[in-house]
Amino acid sequence: MQTAAQVLVALVALIHMYFLVLEMFLWDTPRGRKVFATTPEFSRQSAPMAANQGLYNGFMAAGLVWSLIAGDPVARPAQIFFLCCLVVAGVYGAATVSRKILLVQALPAAAALVLVLTAG
């Protein structure tokens, strides 16, 4: 169970690193516009906001990576903290922006959180 929890935490970190790249570097490109279903005008105007979101996702990924390499007693509480942050942000995003965020962000983080809590 512990190994599965760590693998899922790593997967969530990778997802958020991907979000960082999409939002910070690919937002105003055809790929970024396709992923987020935006127009060229909107993506150009909202690029600074998207870069800010990307940075947030990078910090979340960094926190999860840190939790994977940190030893006791830091690792598990750090995982719980960062995963809870992602679940809350995903639920808020789903309520205010798109329900898809619930599946893409909140669900993987919630699954990892359940594994971390039950493996501990």
PDB file of N, CA and C in Angstrom:
ATOM      1  N   MET A   1       0.824  -1.194   0.000  1.00  0.00           N
ATOM      2  CA  MET A   1       0.000   0.000   0.000  1.00  0.00           C
ATOM      3  C   MET A   1       0.869   1.259   0.000  1.00  0.00           C
ATOM      4  N   GLN A   2       1.954   1.212   0.769  1.00  0.00           N
ATOM      5  CA  GLN A   2       2.866   2.362   0.848  1.00  0.00           C
ATOM      6  C   GLN A   2       3.462   2.678  -0.526  1.00  0.00           C
ATOM      7  N   THR A   3       3.873   1.656  -1.254  1.00  0.00           N
ATOM      8  CA  THR A   3       4.447   1.873  -2.592  1.00  0.00           C
ATOM      9  C   THR A   3       3.413   2.465  -3.534  1.00  0.00           C
ATOM     10  N   ALA A   4       2.204   1.964  -3.495  1.00  0.00           N
ATOM     11  CA  ALA A   4       1.139   2.499  -4.352  1.00  0.00           C
ATOM     12  C   ALA A   4       0.874   3.964  -4.023  1.00  0.00           C
ATOM     13  N   ALA A   5       0.884   4.313  -2.744  1.00  0.00           N
ATOM     14  CA  ALA A   5       0.670   5.702  -2.343  1.00  0.00           C
ATOM     15  C   ALA A   5       1.768   6.600  -2.901  1.00  0.00           C
ATOM     16  N   GLN A   6       3.014   6.143  -2.795  1.00  0.00           N
ATOM     17  CA  GLN A   6       4.132   6.955  -3.281  1.00  0.00           C
ATOM     18  C   GLN A   6       4.098   7.110  -4.801  1.00  0.00           C
ATOM     19  N   VAL A   7       3.718   6.045  -5.489  1.00  0.00           N
ATOM     20  CA  VAL A   7       3.607   6.108  -6.951  1.00  0.00           C
ATOM     21  C   VAL A   7       2.518   7.099  -7.349  1.00  0.00           C
ATOM     22  N   LEU A   8       1.393   7.067  -6.660  1.00  0.00           N
ATOM     23  CA  LEU A   8       0.304   7.983  -6.993  1.00  0.00           C
ATOM     24  C   LEU A   8       0.666   9.431  -6.648  1.00  0.00           C
ATOM     25  N   VAL A   9       1.370   9.643  -5.552  1.00  0.00           N
ATOM     26  CA  VAL A   9       1.842  10.991  -5.215  1.00  0.00           C
ATOM     27  C   VAL A   9       2.778  11.489  -6.318  1.00  0.00           C
ATOM     28  N   ALA A  10       3.677  10.627  -6.786  1.00  0.00           N
ATOM     29  CA  ALA A  10       4.584  11.010  -7.874  1.00  0.00           C
ATOM     30  C   ALA A  10       3.813  11.320  -9.146  1.00  0.00           C
ATOM     31  N   LEU A  11       2.781  10.552  -9.434  1.00  0.00           N
ATOM     32  CA  LEU A  11       1.965  10.802 -10.619  1.00  0.00           C
ATOM     33  C   LEU A  11       1.258  12.159 -10.522  1.00  0.00           C
ATOM     34  N   VAL A  12       0.729  12.481  -9.356  1.00  0.00           N
ATOM     35  CA  VAL A  12       0.083  13.782  -9.155  1.00  0.00           C
ATOM     36  C   VAL A  12       1.113  14.902  -9.343  1.00  0.00           C
ATOM     37  N   ALA A  13       2.320  14.710  -8.835  1.00  0.00           N
ATOM     38  CA  ALA A  13       3.383  15.714  -9.031  1.00  0.00           C
ATOM     39  C   ALA A  13       3.673  15.892 -10.520  1.00  0.00           C
ATOM     40  N   LEU A  14       3.744  14.797 -11.256  1.00  0.00           N
ATOM     41  CA  LEU A  14       3.990  14.884 -12.703  1.00  0.00           C
ATOM     42  C   LEU A  14       2.856  15.605 -13.433  1.00  0.00           C
ATOM     43  N   ILE A  15       1.636  15.339 -13.035  1.00  0.00           N
ATOM     44  CA  ILE A  15       0.485  16.022 -13.635  1.00  0.00           C
ATOM     45  C   ILE A  15       0.632  17.535 -13.450  1.00  0.00           C
ATOM     46  N   HIS A  16       1.026  17.940 -12.259  1.00  0.00           N
ATOM     47  CA  HIS A  16       1.130  19.372 -11.984  1.00  0.00           C
ATOM     48  C   HIS A  16       2.365  19.992 -12.621  1.00  0.00           C
ATOM     49  N   MET A  17       3.398  19.223 -12.851  1.00  0.00           N
ATOM     50  CA  MET A  17       4.529  19.731 -13.639  1.00  0.00           C
ATOM     51  C   MET A  17       4.084  19.961 -15.083  1.00  0.00           C
ATOM     52  N   TYR A  18       3.251  19.058 -15.588  1.00  0.00           N
ATOM     53  CA  TYR A  18       2.699  19.217 -16.930  1.00  0.00           C
ATOM     54  C   TYR A  18       1.837  20.477 -17.003  1.00  0.00           C
ATOM     55  N   PHE A  19       1.021  20.717 -15.970  1.00  0.00           N
ATOM     56  CA  PHE A  19       0.225  21.945 -15.928  1.00  0.00           C
ATOM     57  C   PHE A  19       1.119  23.173 -15.943  1.00  0.00           C
ATOM     58  N   LEU A  20       2.232  23.114 -15.208  1.00  0.00           N
ATOM     59  CA  LEU A  20       3.182  24.231 -15.208  1.00  0.00           C
ATOM     60  C   LEU A  20       3.637  24.535 -16.631  1.00  0.00           C
ATOM     61  N   VAL A  21       4.051  23.506 -17.352  1.00  0.00           N
ATOM     62  CA  VAL A  21       4.531  23.699 -18.726  1.00  0.00           C
ATOM     63  C   VAL A  21       3.421  24.247 -19.614  1.00  0.00           C
ATOM     64  N   LEU A  22       2.236  23.675 -19.511  1.00  0.00           N
ATOM     65  CA  LEU A  22       1.109  24.141 -20.329  1.00  0.00           C
ATOM     66  C   LEU A  22       0.771  25.600 -20.051  1.00  0.00           C
ATOM     67  N   GLU A  23       0.696  25.959 -18.782  1.00  0.00           N
ATOM     68  CA  GLU A  23       0.227  27.285 -18.427  1.00  0.00           C
ATOM     69  C   GLU A  23       1.307  28.361 -18.536  1.00  0.00           C
ATOM     70  N   MET A  24       2.538  28.000 -18.270  1.00  0.00           N
ATOM     71  CA  MET A  24       3.608  29.004 -18.311  1.00  0.00           C
ATOM     72  C   MET A  24       4.224  29.157 -19.695  1.00  0.00           C
ATOM     73  N   PHE A  25       4.331  28.071 -20.442  1.00  0.00           N
ATOM     74  CA  PHE A  25       5.099  28.104 -21.684  1.00  0.00           C
ATOM     75  C   PHE A  25       4.284  27.805 -22.942  1.00  0.00           C
ATOM     76  N   LEU A  26       3.189  27.085 -22.812  1.00  0.00           N
ATOM     77  CA  LEU A  26       2.421  26.691 -23.993  1.00  0.00           C
ATOM     78  C   LEU A  26       1.046  27.336 -24.066  1.00  0.00           C
ATOM     79  N   TRP A  27       0.708  28.193 -23.130  1.00  0.00           N
ATOM     80  CA  TRP A  27      -0.626  28.781 -23.057  1.00  0.00           C
ATOM     81  C   TRP A  27      -1.039  29.435 -24.372  1.00  0.00           C
ATOM     82  N   ASP A  28      -0.162  30.268 -24.913  1.00  0.00           N
ATOM     83  CA  ASP A  28      -0.487  31.038 -26.122  1.00  0.00           C
ATOM     84  C   ASP A  28       0.060  30.356 -27.377  1.00  0.00           C
ATOM     85  N   THR A  29      -0.078  29.035 -27.426  1.00  0.00           N
ATOM     86  CA  THR A  29       0.323  28.256 -28.595  1.00  0.00           C
ATOM     87  C   THR A  29      -0.887  27.434 -29.049  1.00  0.00           C
ATOM     88  N   PRO A  30      -0.838  26.903 -30.252  1.00  0.00           N
ATOM     89  CA  PRO A  30      -1.976  26.061 -30.685  1.00  0.00           C
ATOM     90  C   PRO A  30      -2.272  24.919 -29.706  1.00  0.00           C
ATOM     91  N   ARG A  31      -1.233  24.296 -29.171  1.00  0.00           N
ATOM     92  CA  ARG A  31      -1.471  23.186 -28.232  1.00  0.00           C
ATOM     93  C   ARG A  31      -2.156  23.675 -26.958  1.00  0.00           C
ATOM     94  N   GLY A  32      -1.654  24.771 -26.401  1.00  0.00           N
ATOM     95  CA  GLY A  32      -2.264  25.324 -25.193  1.00  0.00           C
ATOM     96  C   GLY A  32      -3.698  25.747 -25.419  1.00  0.00           C
ATOM     97  N   ARG A  33      -3.954  26.398 -26.569  1.00  0.00           N
ATOM     98  CA  ARG A  33      -5.328  26.815 -26.867  1.00  0.00           C
ATOM     99  C   ARG A  33      -6.251  25.614 -27.041  1.00  0.00           C
ATOM    100  N   LYS A  34      -5.722  24.533 -27.610  1.00  0.00           N
ATOM    101  CA  LYS A  34      -6.542  23.325 -27.782  1.00  0.00           C
ATOM    102  C   LYS A  34      -6.878  22.691 -26.431  1.00  0.00           C
ATOM    103  N   VAL A  35      -5.863  22.554 -25.573  1.00  0.00           N
ATOM    104  CA  VAL A  35      -6.081  21.928 -24.267  1.00  0.00           C
ATOM    105  C   VAL A  35      -7.101  22.713 -23.445  1.00  0.00           C
ATOM    106  N   PHE A  36      -6.985  24.041 -23.461  1.00  0.00           N
ATOM    107  CA  PHE A  36      -7.852  24.874 -22.622  1.00  0.00           C
ATOM    108  C   PHE A  36      -9.025  25.479 -23.381  1.00  0.00           C
ATOM    109  N   ALA A  37      -9.165  25.122 -24.650  1.00  0.00           N
ATOM    110  CA  ALA A  37     -10.292  25.581 -25.480  1.00  0.00           C
ATOM    111  C   ALA A  37     -10.429  27.101 -25.455  1.00  0.00           C
ATOM    112  N   THR A  38      -9.327  27.778 -25.763  1.00  0.00           N
ATOM    113  CA  THR A  38      -9.331  29.235 -25.783  1.00  0.00           C
ATOM    114  C   THR A  38      -9.076  29.747 -27.193  1.00  0.00           C
ATOM    115  N   THR A  39      -9.408  30.993 -27.410  1.00  0.00           N
ATOM    116  CA  THR A  39      -9.148  31.641 -28.688  1.00  0.00           C
ATOM    117  C   THR A  39      -7.762  32.287 -28.649  1.00  0.00           C
ATOM    118  N   PRO A  40      -7.183  32.572 -29.814  1.00  0.00           N
ATOM    119  CA  PRO A  40      -5.890  33.261 -29.822  1.00  0.00           C
ATOM    120  C   PRO A  40      -5.930  34.596 -29.061  1.00  0.00           C
ATOM    121  N   GLU A  41      -7.003  35.329 -29.225  1.00  0.00           N
ATOM    122  CA  GLU A  41      -7.113  36.620 -28.525  1.00  0.00           C
ATOM    123  C   GLU A  41      -7.145  36.426 -27.007  1.00  0.00           C
ATOM    124  N   PHE A  42      -7.980  35.499 -26.548  1.00  0.00           N
ATOM    125  CA  PHE A  42      -8.070  35.263 -25.102  1.00  0.00           C
ATOM    126  C   PHE A  42      -6.741  34.747 -24.553  1.00  0.00           C
ATOM    127  N   SER A  43      -6.120  33.804 -25.242  1.00  0.00           N
ATOM    128  CA  SER A  43      -4.867  33.247 -24.716  1.00  0.00           C
ATOM    129  C   SER A  43      -3.780  34.311 -24.655  1.00  0.00           C
ATOM    130  N   ARG A  44      -3.749  35.212 -25.615  1.00  0.00           N
ATOM    131  CA  ARG A  44      -2.757  36.286 -25.606  1.00  0.00           C
ATOM    132  C   ARG A  44      -3.015  37.231 -24.427  1.00  0.00           C
ATOM    133  N   GLN A  45      -4.268  37.603 -24.220  1.00  0.00           N
ATOM    134  CA  GLN A  45      -4.607  38.531 -23.148  1.00  0.00           C
ATOM    135  C   GLN A  45      -4.459  37.920 -21.752  1.00  0.00           C
ATOM    136  N   SER A  46      -4.680  36.627 -21.646  1.00  0.00           N
ATOM    137  CA  SER A  46      -4.663  35.982 -20.326  1.00  0.00           C
ATOM    138  C   SER A  46      -3.349  35.274 -20.018  1.00  0.00           C
ATOM    139  N   ALA A  47      -2.352  35.422 -20.865  1.00  0.00           N
ATOM    140  CA  ALA A  47      -1.075  34.719 -20.653  1.00  0.00           C
ATOM    141  C   ALA A  47      -0.441  35.018 -19.293  1.00  0.00           C
ATOM    142  N   PRO A  48      -0.413  36.273 -18.817  1.00  0.00           N
ATOM    143  CA  PRO A  48       0.174  36.508 -17.489  1.00  0.00           C
ATOM    144  C   PRO A  48      -0.576  35.778 -16.373  1.00  0.00           C
ATOM    145  N   MET A  49      -1.910  35.742 -16.456  1.00  0.00           N
ATOM    146  CA  MET A  49      -2.691  35.028 -15.457  1.00  0.00           C
ATOM    147  C   MET A  49      -2.398  33.521 -15.508  1.00  0.00           C
ATOM    148  N   ALA A  50      -2.308  32.999 -16.711  1.00  0.00           N
ATOM    149  CA  ALA A  50      -2.024  31.568 -16.867  1.00  0.00           C
ATOM    150  C   ALA A  50      -0.636  31.234 -16.341  1.00  0.00           C
ATOM    151  N   ALA A  51       0.331  32.113 -16.583  1.00  0.00           N
ATOM    152  CA  ALA A  51       1.685  31.877 -16.069  1.00  0.00           C
ATOM    153  C   ALA A  51       1.683  31.846 -14.543  1.00  0.00           C
ATOM    154  N   ASN A  52       0.874  32.696 -13.931  1.00  0.00           N
ATOM    155  CA  ASN A  52       0.746  32.698 -12.481  1.00  0.00           C
ATOM    156  C   ASN A  52       0.172  31.367 -11.997  1.00  0.00           C
ATOM    157  N   GLN A  53      -0.855  30.882 -12.671  1.00  0.00           N
ATOM    158  CA  GLN A  53      -1.424  29.573 -12.325  1.00  0.00           C
ATOM    159  C   GLN A  53      -0.397  28.469 -12.518  1.00  0.00           C
ATOM    160  N   GLY A  54       0.378  28.570 -13.582  1.00  0.00           N
ATOM    161  CA  GLY A  54       1.413  27.572 -13.828  1.00  0.00           C
ATOM    162  C   GLY A  54       2.444  27.543 -12.713  1.00  0.00           C
ATOM    163  N   LEU A  55       2.809  28.735 -12.240  1.00  0.00           N
ATOM    164  CA  LEU A  55       3.776  28.806 -11.142  1.00  0.00           C
ATOM    165  C   LEU A  55       3.215  28.131  -9.891  1.00  0.00           C
ATOM    166  N   TYR A  56       1.938  28.381  -9.607  1.00  0.00           N
ATOM    167  CA  TYR A  56       1.276  27.721  -8.478  1.00  0.00           C
ATOM    168  C   TYR A  56       1.348  26.202  -8.638  1.00  0.00           C
ATOM    169  N   ASN A  57       1.055  25.716  -9.821  1.00  0.00           N
ATOM    170  CA  ASN A  57       1.114  24.275 -10.053  1.00  0.00           C
ATOM    171  C   ASN A  57       2.529  23.747  -9.884  1.00  0.00           C
ATOM    172  N   GLY A  58       3.515  24.537 -10.281  1.00  0.00           N
ATOM    173  CA  GLY A  58       4.904  24.141 -10.074  1.00  0.00           C
ATOM    174  C   GLY A  58       5.258  24.034  -8.599  1.00  0.00           C
ATOM    175  N   PHE A  59       4.757  24.975  -7.796  1.00  0.00           N
ATOM    176  CA  PHE A  59       5.011  24.899  -6.356  1.00  0.00           C
ATOM    177  C   PHE A  59       4.328  23.670  -5.737  1.00  0.00           C
ATOM    178  N   MET A  60       3.141  23.355  -6.209  1.00  0.00           N
ATOM    179  CA  MET A  60       2.468  22.158  -5.699  1.00  0.00           C
ATOM    180  C   MET A  60       3.263  20.901  -6.074  1.00  0.00           C
ATOM    181  N   ALA A  61       3.743  20.842  -7.304  1.00  0.00           N
ATOM    182  CA  ALA A  61       4.554  19.702  -7.741  1.00  0.00           C
ATOM    183  C   ALA A  61       5.843  19.626  -6.924  1.00  0.00           C
ATOM    184  N   ALA A  62       6.472  20.769  -6.709  1.00  0.00           N
ATOM    185  CA  ALA A  62       7.721  20.791  -5.926  1.00  0.00           C
ATOM    186  C   ALA A  62       7.473  20.297  -4.506  1.00  0.00           C
ATOM    187  N   GLY A  63       6.369  20.703  -3.920  1.00  0.00           N
ATOM    188  CA  GLY A  63       6.042  20.244  -2.570  1.00  0.00           C
ATOM    189  C   GLY A  63       5.827  18.738  -2.519  1.00  0.00           C
ATOM    190  N   LEU A  64       5.176  18.199  -3.529  1.00  0.00           N
ATOM    191  CA  LEU A  64       4.965  16.746  -3.562  1.00  0.00           C
ATOM    192  C   LEU A  64       6.272  15.996  -3.790  1.00  0.00           C
ATOM    193  N   VAL A  65       7.123  16.515  -4.671  1.00  0.00           N
ATOM    194  CA  VAL A  65       8.433  15.880  -4.887  1.00  0.00           C
ATOM    195  C   VAL A  65       9.236  15.926  -3.590  1.00  0.00           C
ATOM    196  N   TRP A  66       9.226  17.078  -2.934  1.00  0.00           N
ATOM    197  CA  TRP A  66       9.936  17.209  -1.655  1.00  0.00           C
ATOM    198  C   TRP A  66       9.407  16.183  -0.656  1.00  0.00           C
ATOM    199  N   SER A  67       8.084  16.004  -0.627  1.00  0.00           N
ATOM    200  CA  SER A  67       7.513  15.043   0.319  1.00  0.00           C
ATOM    201  C   SER A  67       7.941  13.612   0.009  1.00  0.00           C
ATOM    202  N   LEU A  68       8.253  13.341  -1.247  1.00  0.00           N
ATOM    203  CA  LEU A  68       8.693  11.992  -1.624  1.00  0.00           C
ATOM    204  C   LEU A  68      10.143  11.718  -1.227  1.00  0.00           C
ATOM    205  N   ILE A  69      10.939  12.766  -1.151  1.00  0.00           N
ATOM    206  CA  ILE A  69      12.357  12.555  -0.818  1.00  0.00           C
ATOM    207  C   ILE A  69      12.686  12.911   0.634  1.00  0.00           C
ATOM    208  N   ALA A  70      11.769  13.591   1.305  1.00  0.00           N
ATOM    209  CA  ALA A  70      11.982  13.955   2.705  1.00  0.00           C
ATOM    210  C   ALA A  70      11.854  12.708   3.575  1.00  0.00           C
ATOM    211  N   GLY A  71      12.577  12.690   4.631  1.00  0.00           N
ATOM    212  CA  GLY A  71      12.464  11.571   5.568  1.00  0.00           C
ATOM    213  C   GLY A  71      11.424  11.855   6.630  1.00  0.00           C
ATOM    214  N   ASP A  72      11.307  10.901   7.546  1.00  0.00           N
ATOM    215  CA  ASP A  72      10.412  11.089   8.684  1.00  0.00           C
ATOM    216  C   ASP A  72      10.965  12.219   9.546  1.00  0.00           C
ATOM    217  N   PRO A  73      10.176  12.982  10.179  1.00  0.00           N
ATOM    218  CA  PRO A  73       8.722  12.937  10.275  1.00  0.00           C
ATOM    219  C   PRO A  73       8.019  13.851   9.273  1.00  0.00           C
ATOM    220  N   VAL A  74       8.736  14.366   8.263  1.00  0.00           N
ATOM    221  CA  VAL A  74       8.189  15.388   7.369  1.00  0.00           C
ATOM    222  C   VAL A  74       7.375  14.814   6.217  1.00  0.00           C
ATOM    223  N   ALA A  75       7.774  13.695   5.655  1.00  0.00           N
ATOM    224  CA  ALA A  75       7.229  13.204   4.391  1.00  0.00           C
ATOM    225  C   ALA A  75       5.706  13.075   4.385  1.00  0.00           C
ATOM    226  N   ARG A  76       5.173  12.305   5.300  1.00  0.00           N
ATOM    227  CA  ARG A  76       3.721  12.045   5.288  1.00  0.00           C
ATOM    228  C   ARG A  76       2.897  13.306   5.542  1.00  0.00           C
ATOM    229  N   PRO A  77       3.219  14.115   6.558  1.00  0.00           N
ATOM    230  CA  PRO A  77       2.445  15.345   6.739  1.00  0.00           C
ATOM    231  C   PRO A  77       2.540  16.290   5.537  1.00  0.00           C
ATOM    232  N   ALA A  78       3.688  16.350   4.891  1.00  0.00           N
ATOM    233  CA  ALA A  78       3.827  17.196   3.704  1.00  0.00           C
ATOM    234  C   ALA A  78       2.948  16.672   2.573  1.00  0.00           C
ATOM    235  N   GLN A  79       2.917  15.371   2.392  1.00  0.00           N
ATOM    236  CA  GLN A  79       2.055  14.799   1.359  1.00  0.00           C
ATOM    237  C   GLN A  79       0.597  15.121   1.642  1.00  0.00           C
ATOM    238  N   ILE A  80       0.193  14.949   2.877  1.00  0.00           N
ATOM    239  CA  ILE A  80      -1.193  15.232   3.249  1.00  0.00           C
ATOM    240  C   ILE A  80      -1.519  16.700   2.999  1.00  0.00           C
ATOM    241  N   PHE A  81      -0.631  17.599   3.403  1.00  0.00           N
ATOM    242  CA  PHE A  81      -0.865  19.032   3.216  1.00  0.00           C
ATOM    243  C   PHE A  81      -1.008  19.391   1.735  1.00  0.00           C
ATOM    244  N   PHE A  82      -0.023  19.004   0.920  1.00  0.00           N
ATOM    245  CA  PHE A  82      -0.058  19.390  -0.491  1.00  0.00           C
ATOM    246  C   PHE A  82      -1.212  18.728  -1.238  1.00  0.00           C
ATOM    247  N   LEU A  83      -1.516  17.485  -0.922  1.00  0.00           N
ATOM    248  CA  LEU A  83      -2.649  16.826  -1.575  1.00  0.00           C
ATOM    249  C   LEU A  83      -3.968  17.468  -1.171  1.00  0.00           C
ATOM    250  N   CYS A  84      -4.106  17.849   0.089  1.00  0.00           N
ATOM    251  CA  CYS A  84      -5.322  18.552   0.517  1.00  0.00           C
ATOM    252  C   CYS A  84      -5.459  19.887  -0.218  1.00  0.00           C
ATOM    253  N   CYS A  85      -4.354  20.610  -0.363  1.00  0.00           N
ATOM    254  CA  CYS A  85      -4.387  21.872  -1.111  1.00  0.00           C
ATOM    255  C   CYS A  85      -4.896  21.638  -2.527  1.00  0.00           C
ATOM    256  N   LEU A  86      -4.411  20.587  -3.167  1.00  0.00           N
ATOM    257  CA  LEU A  86      -4.819  20.302  -4.540  1.00  0.00           C
ATOM    258  C   LEU A  86      -6.277  19.872  -4.629  1.00  0.00           C
ATOM    259  N   VAL A  87      -6.749  19.113  -3.661  1.00  0.00           N
ATOM    260  CA  VAL A  87      -8.164  18.713  -3.657  1.00  0.00           C
ATOM    261  C   VAL A  87      -9.048  19.953  -3.499  1.00  0.00           C
ATOM    262  N   VAL A  88      -8.716  20.817  -2.551  1.00  0.00           N
ATOM    263  CA  VAL A  88      -9.510  22.024  -2.329  1.00  0.00           C
ATOM    264  C   VAL A  88      -9.484  22.913  -3.575  1.00  0.00           C
ATOM    265  N   ALA A  89      -8.302  23.122  -4.143  1.00  0.00           N
ATOM    266  CA  ALA A  89      -8.199  23.945  -5.354  1.00  0.00           C
ATOM    267  C   ALA A  89      -8.966  23.317  -6.510  1.00  0.00           C
ATOM    268  N   GLY A  90      -8.933  22.005  -6.624  1.00  0.00           N
ATOM    269  CA  GLY A  90      -9.663  21.322  -7.685  1.00  0.00           C
ATOM    270  C   GLY A  90     -11.162  21.436  -7.524  1.00  0.00           C
ATOM    271  N   VAL A  91     -11.648  21.320  -6.317  1.00  0.00           N
ATOM    272  CA  VAL A  91     -13.084  21.470  -6.060  1.00  0.00           C
ATOM    273  C   VAL A  91     -13.509  22.914  -6.346  1.00  0.00           C
ATOM    274  N   TYR A  92     -12.708  23.859  -5.903  1.00  0.00           N
ATOM    275  CA  TYR A  92     -13.022  25.266  -6.163  1.00  0.00           C
ATOM    276  C   TYR A  92     -13.005  25.553  -7.667  1.00  0.00           C
ATOM    277  N   GLY A  93     -11.991  25.047  -8.354  1.00  0.00           N
ATOM    278  CA  GLY A  93     -11.920  25.232  -9.805  1.00  0.00           C
ATOM    279  C   GLY A  93     -13.094  24.604 -10.524  1.00  0.00           C
ATOM    280  N   ALA A  94     -13.517  23.453 -10.056  1.00  0.00           N
ATOM    281  CA  ALA A  94     -14.670  22.785 -10.676  1.00  0.00           C
ATOM    282  C   ALA A  94     -15.942  23.589 -10.451  1.00  0.00           C
ATOM    283  N   ALA A  95     -16.057  24.210  -9.291  1.00  0.00           N
ATOM    284  CA  ALA A  95     -17.255  24.992  -8.978  1.00  0.00           C
ATOM    285  C   ALA A  95     -17.268  26.335  -9.699  1.00  0.00           C
ATOM    286  N   THR A  96     -16.100  26.882 -10.002  1.00  0.00           N
ATOM    287  CA  THR A  96     -16.051  28.238 -10.548  1.00  0.00           C
ATOM    288  C   THR A  96     -15.629  28.329 -12.013  1.00  0.00           C
ATOM    289  N   VAL A  97     -14.933  27.312 -12.516  1.00  0.00           N
ATOM    290  CA  VAL A  97     -14.401  27.403 -13.879  1.00  0.00           C
ATOM    291  C   VAL A  97     -14.927  26.281 -14.769  1.00  0.00           C
ATOM    292  N   SER A  98     -14.623  25.045 -14.412  1.00  0.00           N
ATOM    293  CA  SER A  98     -15.006  23.905 -15.252  1.00  0.00           C
ATOM    294  C   SER A  98     -15.044  22.639 -14.414  1.00  0.00           C
ATOM    295  N   ARG A  99     -16.079  21.850 -14.620  1.00  0.00           N
ATOM    296  CA  ARG A  99     -16.183  20.574 -13.893  1.00  0.00           C
ATOM    297  C   ARG A  99     -15.050  19.624 -14.243  1.00  0.00           C
ATOM    298  N   LYS A 100     -14.454  19.817 -15.401  1.00  0.00           N
ATOM    299  CA  LYS A 100     -13.334  18.977 -15.832  1.00  0.00           C
ATOM    300  C   LYS A 100     -12.179  19.027 -14.820  1.00  0.00           C
ATOM    301  N   ILE A 101     -12.023  20.157 -14.141  1.00  0.00           N
ATOM    302  CA  ILE A 101     -10.949  20.313 -13.152  1.00  0.00           C
ATOM    303  C   ILE A 101     -11.117  19.307 -12.020  1.00  0.00           C
ATOM    304  N   LEU A 102     -12.350  18.962 -11.718  1.00  0.00           N
ATOM    305  CA  LEU A 102     -12.602  17.965 -10.670  1.00  0.00           C
ATOM    306  C   LEU A 102     -11.963  16.633 -11.047  1.00  0.00           C
ATOM    307  N   LEU A 103     -12.088  16.243 -12.301  1.00  0.00           N
ATOM    308  CA  LEU A 103     -11.528  14.972 -12.759  1.00  0.00           C
ATOM    309  C   LEU A 103     -10.022  15.032 -12.955  1.00  0.00           C
ATOM    310  N   VAL A 104      -9.536  16.145 -13.466  1.00  0.00           N
ATOM    311  CA  VAL A 104      -8.124  16.248 -13.830  1.00  0.00           C
ATOM    312  C   VAL A 104      -7.240  16.569 -12.627  1.00  0.00           C
ATOM    313  N   GLN A 105      -7.733  17.368 -11.692  1.00  0.00           N
ATOM    314  CA  GLN A 105      -6.913  17.792 -10.563  1.00  0.00           C
ATOM    315  C   GLN A 105      -7.360  17.183  -9.240  1.00  0.00           C
ATOM    316  N   ALA A 106      -8.615  17.350  -8.900  1.00  0.00           N
ATOM    317  CA  ALA A 106      -9.067  16.930  -7.572  1.00  0.00           C
ATOM    318  C   ALA A 106      -9.103  15.413  -7.409  1.00  0.00           C
ATOM    319  N   LEU A 107      -9.594  14.701  -8.405  1.00  0.00           N
ATOM    320  CA  LEU A 107      -9.716  13.247  -8.280  1.00  0.00           C
ATOM    321  C   LEU A 107      -8.364  12.543  -8.104  1.00  0.00           C
ATOM    322  N   PRO A 108      -7.347  12.825  -8.935  1.00  0.00           N
ATOM    323  CA  PRO A 108      -6.054  12.174  -8.702  1.00  0.00           C
ATOM    324  C   PRO A 108      -5.462  12.521  -7.328  1.00  0.00           C
ATOM    325  N   ALA A 109      -5.600  13.785  -6.924  1.00  0.00           N
ATOM    326  CA  ALA A 109      -5.072  14.181  -5.616  1.00  0.00           C
ATOM    327  C   ALA A 109      -5.836  13.491  -4.486  1.00  0.00           C
ATOM    328  N   ALA A 110      -7.146  13.383  -4.630  1.00  0.00           N
ATOM    329  CA  ALA A 110      -7.955  12.708  -3.605  1.00  0.00           C
ATOM    330  C   ALA A 110      -7.610  11.228  -3.515  1.00  0.00           C
ATOM    331  N   ALA A 111      -7.405  10.591  -4.655  1.00  0.00           N
ATOM    332  CA  ALA A 111      -7.024   9.169  -4.641  1.00  0.00           C
ATOM    333  C   ALA A 111      -5.674   8.978  -3.968  1.00  0.00           C
ATOM    334  N   ALA A 112      -4.721   9.865  -4.290  1.00  0.00           N
ATOM    335  CA  ALA A 112      -3.401   9.776  -3.643  1.00  0.00           C
ATOM    336  C   ALA A 112      -3.547  10.030  -2.145  1.00  0.00           C
ATOM    337  N   LEU A 113      -4.369  10.986  -1.769  1.00  0.00           N
ATOM    338  CA  LEU A 113      -4.567  11.295  -0.354  1.00  0.00           C
ATOM    339  C   LEU A 113      -5.141  10.099   0.396  1.00  0.00           C
ATOM    340  N   VAL A 114      -6.116   9.435  -0.176  1.00  0.00           N
ATOM    341  CA  VAL A 114      -6.703   8.251   0.464  1.00  0.00           C
ATOM    342  C   VAL A 114      -5.628   7.182   0.663  1.00  0.00           C
ATOM    343  N   LEU A 115      -4.808   6.955  -0.361  1.00  0.00           N
ATOM    344  CA  LEU A 115      -3.737   5.955  -0.226  1.00  0.00           C
ATOM    345  C   LEU A 115      -2.721   6.349   0.833  1.00  0.00           C
ATOM    346  N   VAL A 116      -2.331   7.628   0.848  1.00  0.00           N
ATOM    347  CA  VAL A 116      -1.363   8.087   1.859  1.00  0.00           C
ATOM    348  C   VAL A 116      -1.941   7.899   3.264  1.00  0.00           C
ATOM    349  N   LEU A 117      -3.208   8.258   3.437  1.00  0.00           N
ATOM    350  CA  LEU A 117      -3.826   8.132   4.762  1.00  0.00           C
ATOM    351  C   LEU A 117      -3.989   6.685   5.195  1.00  0.00           C
ATOM    352  N   THR A 118      -4.316   5.809   4.264  1.00  0.00           N
ATOM    353  CA  THR A 118      -4.526   4.402   4.644  1.00  0.00           C
ATOM    354  C   THR A 118      -3.214   3.636   4.743  1.00  0.00           C
ATOM    355  N   ALA A 119      -2.181   4.109   4.064  1.00  0.00           N
ATOM    356  CA  ALA A 119      -0.887   3.412   4.115  1.00  0.00           C
ATOM    357  C   ALA A 119      -0.090   3.770   5.340  1.00  0.00           C
ATOM    358  N   GLY A 120      -0.427   4.906   5.964  1.00  0.00           N
ATOM    359  CA  GLY A 120       0.361   5.445   7.066  1.00  0.00           C
ATOM    360  C   GLY A 120       0.273   4.695   8.315  1.00  0.00           C
TER     361      GLY A 120
END
